[in-house]
Amino acid sequence: MKRLTITLPADQADAIEKIRRRRHVPRSRVIQEAVARFLEARGVSGQVRSYERGYRRVPEDVGDARAFARAGAGTLAIEDWE
């Protein structure tokens, strides 16, 4: 673990304190969880941006869309819906 010193706006620090007291955990844990969620969300959004760039480079054409529709319809047709 690395120790960091950070400065936060008072409202954010107060919110962290409320969460910490309610959950009976150290401030560090609250901040670690928040940073982990931020990094996870950023990673997911980075993957989405990467997918979008790839799609723009090689977009589907009408033939692809028709093939996907046929594949989906075939899959749905064999599904037991009862």
N, C-alpha and C. Protein backbone atom coordinates (compact mmCIF):
# COMPACT_ATOMS: atom_id res chain seq x y z
N MET A 1 0.84 -1.18 0.00
CA MET A 1 0.00 0.00 0.00
C MET A 1 0.89 1.24 0.00
N LYS A 2 0.38 2.27 -0.64
CA LYS A 2 1.05 3.56 -0.63
C LYS A 2 0.18 4.55 0.14
N ARG A 3 0.82 5.43 0.85
CA ARG A 3 0.10 6.47 1.58
C ARG A 3 0.09 7.73 0.72
N LEU A 4 -1.09 8.35 0.60
CA LEU A 4 -1.25 9.58 -0.17
C LEU A 4 -1.85 10.65 0.74
N THR A 5 -1.52 11.86 0.47
CA THR A 5 -2.15 12.99 1.13
C THR A 5 -2.96 13.73 0.09
N ILE A 6 -4.25 13.90 0.35
CA ILE A 6 -5.11 14.57 -0.63
C ILE A 6 -5.87 15.70 0.05
N THR A 7 -6.34 16.61 -0.76
CA THR A 7 -7.19 17.70 -0.29
C THR A 7 -8.52 17.57 -1.00
N LEU A 8 -9.61 17.63 -0.22
CA LEU A 8 -10.96 17.51 -0.77
C LEU A 8 -11.78 18.72 -0.37
N PRO A 9 -12.76 19.05 -1.18
CA PRO A 9 -13.73 20.07 -0.77
C PRO A 9 -14.44 19.59 0.51
N ALA A 10 -14.86 20.53 1.33
CA ALA A 10 -15.48 20.19 2.61
C ALA A 10 -16.69 19.28 2.45
N ASP A 11 -17.52 19.52 1.43
CA ASP A 11 -18.72 18.70 1.27
C ASP A 11 -18.37 17.24 0.97
N GLN A 12 -17.32 17.01 0.19
CA GLN A 12 -16.90 15.64 -0.10
C GLN A 12 -16.32 14.97 1.15
N ALA A 13 -15.51 15.71 1.90
CA ALA A 13 -14.94 15.17 3.13
C ALA A 13 -16.05 14.82 4.13
N ASP A 14 -17.05 15.70 4.24
CA ASP A 14 -18.18 15.44 5.14
C ASP A 14 -18.96 14.20 4.71
N ALA A 15 -19.17 14.05 3.41
CA ALA A 15 -19.89 12.88 2.90
C ALA A 15 -19.12 11.60 3.20
N ILE A 16 -17.80 11.64 3.05
CA ILE A 16 -16.97 10.46 3.36
C ILE A 16 -17.08 10.12 4.84
N GLU A 17 -17.06 11.14 5.68
CA GLU A 17 -17.19 10.92 7.13
C GLU A 17 -18.51 10.26 7.47
N LYS A 18 -19.60 10.71 6.87
CA LYS A 18 -20.92 10.13 7.14
C LYS A 18 -20.95 8.66 6.73
N ILE A 19 -20.41 8.37 5.55
CA ILE A 19 -20.37 6.98 5.08
C ILE A 19 -19.53 6.13 6.02
N ARG A 20 -18.37 6.64 6.39
CA ARG A 20 -17.44 5.92 7.25
C ARG A 20 -18.09 5.58 8.60
N ARG A 21 -18.74 6.57 9.20
CA ARG A 21 -19.39 6.34 10.50
C ARG A 21 -20.54 5.34 10.38
N ARG A 22 -21.34 5.49 9.33
CA ARG A 22 -22.50 4.60 9.14
C ARG A 22 -22.06 3.15 8.93
N ARG A 23 -20.96 2.97 8.18
CA ARG A 23 -20.48 1.62 7.87
C ARG A 23 -19.45 1.09 8.86
N HIS A 24 -19.01 1.95 9.76
CA HIS A 24 -18.00 1.56 10.77
C HIS A 24 -16.73 1.04 10.09
N VAL A 25 -16.23 1.81 9.14
CA VAL A 25 -14.98 1.46 8.44
C VAL A 25 -14.07 2.69 8.42
N PRO A 26 -12.78 2.48 8.20
CA PRO A 26 -11.87 3.63 8.12
C PRO A 26 -12.14 4.48 6.86
N ARG A 27 -11.77 5.74 6.94
CA ARG A 27 -11.88 6.64 5.79
C ARG A 27 -11.18 6.04 4.57
N SER A 28 -10.02 5.47 4.81
CA SER A 28 -9.25 4.90 3.70
C SER A 28 -10.06 3.88 2.92
N ARG A 29 -10.83 3.06 3.62
CA ARG A 29 -11.62 2.04 2.94
C ARG A 29 -12.67 2.67 2.04
N VAL A 30 -13.34 3.71 2.54
CA VAL A 30 -14.36 4.40 1.74
C VAL A 30 -13.73 4.97 0.48
N ILE A 31 -12.58 5.61 0.63
CA ILE A 31 -11.91 6.22 -0.52
C ILE A 31 -11.37 5.16 -1.46
N GLN A 32 -10.82 4.06 -0.93
CA GLN A 32 -10.33 2.97 -1.78
C GLN A 32 -11.46 2.39 -2.63
N GLU A 33 -12.63 2.18 -2.01
CA GLU A 33 -13.77 1.64 -2.77
C GLU A 33 -14.23 2.63 -3.84
N ALA A 34 -14.25 3.91 -3.50
CA ALA A 34 -14.67 4.91 -4.48
C ALA A 34 -13.70 4.96 -5.66
N VAL A 35 -12.41 4.93 -5.38
CA VAL A 35 -11.41 4.97 -6.45
C VAL A 35 -11.50 3.70 -7.30
N ALA A 36 -11.70 2.54 -6.65
CA ALA A 36 -11.83 1.28 -7.39
C ALA A 36 -13.02 1.34 -8.35
N ARG A 37 -14.15 1.87 -7.87
CA ARG A 37 -15.33 1.98 -8.74
C ARG A 37 -15.08 2.96 -9.89
N PHE A 38 -14.42 4.06 -9.59
CA PHE A 38 -14.09 5.03 -10.63
C PHE A 38 -13.21 4.39 -11.70
N LEU A 39 -12.17 3.68 -11.27
CA LEU A 39 -11.25 3.07 -12.23
C LEU A 39 -11.94 1.97 -13.03
N GLU A 40 -12.81 1.21 -12.37
CA GLU A 40 -13.55 0.17 -13.08
C GLU A 40 -14.47 0.79 -14.13
N ALA A 41 -15.18 1.83 -13.76
CA ALA A 41 -16.09 2.50 -14.70
C ALA A 41 -15.30 3.10 -15.86
N ARG A 42 -14.16 3.67 -15.55
CA ARG A 42 -13.32 4.27 -16.59
C ARG A 42 -12.80 3.20 -17.54
N GLY A 43 -12.45 2.04 -16.99
CA GLY A 43 -12.00 0.93 -17.84
C GLY A 43 -13.09 0.45 -18.76
N VAL A 44 -14.30 0.32 -18.22
CA VAL A 44 -15.43 -0.11 -19.04
C VAL A 44 -15.71 0.93 -20.11
N SER A 45 -15.71 2.20 -19.73
CA SER A 45 -16.00 3.22 -20.73
C SER A 45 -14.87 3.27 -21.76
N GLY A 46 -13.64 2.96 -21.34
CA GLY A 46 -12.53 2.88 -22.30
C GLY A 46 -12.73 1.75 -23.29
N GLN A 47 -13.26 0.63 -22.80
CA GLN A 47 -13.55 -0.49 -23.69
C GLN A 47 -14.65 -0.13 -24.67
N VAL A 48 -15.65 0.59 -24.19
CA VAL A 48 -16.75 1.02 -25.06
C VAL A 48 -16.22 1.96 -26.13
N ARG A 49 -15.36 2.91 -25.73
CA ARG A 49 -14.78 3.83 -26.73
C ARG A 49 -13.96 3.07 -27.76
N SER A 50 -13.22 2.06 -27.30
CA SER A 50 -12.42 1.26 -28.22
C SER A 50 -13.32 0.52 -29.21
N TYR A 51 -14.43 -0.05 -28.70
CA TYR A 51 -15.38 -0.73 -29.57
C TYR A 51 -15.97 0.24 -30.59
N GLU A 52 -16.34 1.42 -30.13
CA GLU A 52 -16.93 2.41 -31.04
C GLU A 52 -15.93 2.82 -32.12
N ARG A 53 -14.66 3.00 -31.76
CA ARG A 53 -13.66 3.35 -32.77
C ARG A 53 -13.53 2.24 -33.81
N GLY A 54 -13.51 1.00 -33.33
CA GLY A 54 -13.42 -0.13 -34.26
C GLY A 54 -14.63 -0.21 -35.17
N TYR A 55 -15.80 0.01 -34.59
CA TYR A 55 -17.03 -0.03 -35.38
C TYR A 55 -17.02 1.06 -36.45
N ARG A 56 -16.52 2.23 -36.10
CA ARG A 56 -16.47 3.31 -37.09
C ARG A 56 -15.49 2.98 -38.22
N ARG A 57 -14.41 2.28 -37.87
CA ARG A 57 -13.44 1.89 -38.91
C ARG A 57 -14.03 0.83 -39.84
N VAL A 58 -14.77 -0.13 -39.27
CA VAL A 58 -15.35 -1.21 -40.06
C VAL A 58 -16.81 -1.38 -39.68
N PRO A 59 -17.68 -0.50 -40.16
CA PRO A 59 -19.10 -0.59 -39.79
C PRO A 59 -19.76 -1.80 -40.45
N GLU A 60 -20.89 -2.21 -39.86
CA GLU A 60 -21.67 -3.29 -40.47
C GLU A 60 -22.24 -2.78 -41.79
N ASP A 61 -22.40 -3.70 -42.71
CA ASP A 61 -23.11 -3.32 -43.92
C ASP A 61 -24.49 -4.00 -43.87
N VAL A 62 -25.29 -3.79 -44.88
CA VAL A 62 -26.65 -4.33 -44.91
C VAL A 62 -26.61 -5.85 -44.84
N GLY A 63 -25.66 -6.48 -45.51
CA GLY A 63 -25.54 -7.94 -45.48
C GLY A 63 -25.28 -8.46 -44.07
N ASP A 64 -24.42 -7.77 -43.32
CA ASP A 64 -24.15 -8.15 -41.93
C ASP A 64 -25.43 -8.07 -41.11
N ALA A 65 -26.16 -6.98 -41.25
CA ALA A 65 -27.38 -6.79 -40.48
C ALA A 65 -28.39 -7.89 -40.79
N ARG A 66 -28.52 -8.24 -42.04
CA ARG A 66 -29.46 -9.32 -42.43
C ARG A 66 -29.02 -10.65 -41.84
N ALA A 67 -27.73 -10.93 -41.87
CA ALA A 67 -27.21 -12.18 -41.31
C ALA A 67 -27.47 -12.24 -39.81
N PHE A 68 -27.26 -11.13 -39.10
CA PHE A 68 -27.52 -11.10 -37.66
C PHE A 68 -29.00 -11.32 -37.38
N ALA A 69 -29.86 -10.72 -38.18
CA ALA A 69 -31.31 -10.87 -38.00
C ALA A 69 -31.71 -12.33 -38.21
N ARG A 70 -31.18 -12.97 -39.25
CA ARG A 70 -31.49 -14.38 -39.51
C ARG A 70 -31.01 -15.26 -38.36
N ALA A 71 -29.81 -15.01 -37.87
CA ALA A 71 -29.27 -15.80 -36.77
C ALA A 71 -30.12 -15.64 -35.52
N GLY A 72 -30.52 -14.40 -35.23
CA GLY A 72 -31.36 -14.17 -34.06
C GLY A 72 -32.71 -14.82 -34.20
N ALA A 73 -33.31 -14.73 -35.38
CA ALA A 73 -34.62 -15.33 -35.60
C ALA A 73 -34.54 -16.84 -35.48
N GLY A 74 -33.46 -17.42 -35.98
CA GLY A 74 -33.28 -18.88 -35.87
C GLY A 74 -33.14 -19.31 -34.42
N THR A 75 -32.42 -18.55 -33.65
CA THR A 75 -32.24 -18.87 -32.23
C THR A 75 -33.56 -18.74 -31.48
N LEU A 76 -34.29 -17.67 -31.75
CA LEU A 76 -35.57 -17.47 -31.07
C LEU A 76 -36.59 -18.54 -31.44
N ALA A 77 -36.53 -19.02 -32.67
CA ALA A 77 -37.50 -20.01 -33.14
C ALA A 77 -37.34 -21.33 -32.39
N ILE A 78 -36.14 -21.70 -31.98
CA ILE A 78 -35.95 -23.00 -31.31
C ILE A 78 -36.08 -22.88 -29.78
N GLU A 79 -36.28 -21.68 -29.28
CA GLU A 79 -36.39 -21.47 -27.84
C GLU A 79 -37.76 -21.91 -27.34
N ASP A 80 -37.80 -22.60 -26.19
CA ASP A 80 -39.07 -22.99 -25.58
C ASP A 80 -39.60 -21.81 -24.80
N TRP A 81 -40.71 -21.24 -25.27
CA TRP A 81 -41.23 -20.01 -24.67
C TRP A 81 -42.34 -20.27 -23.66
N GLU A 82 -42.59 -21.50 -23.32
CA GLU A 82 -43.66 -21.78 -22.36
C GLU A 82 -43.14 -22.05 -20.99
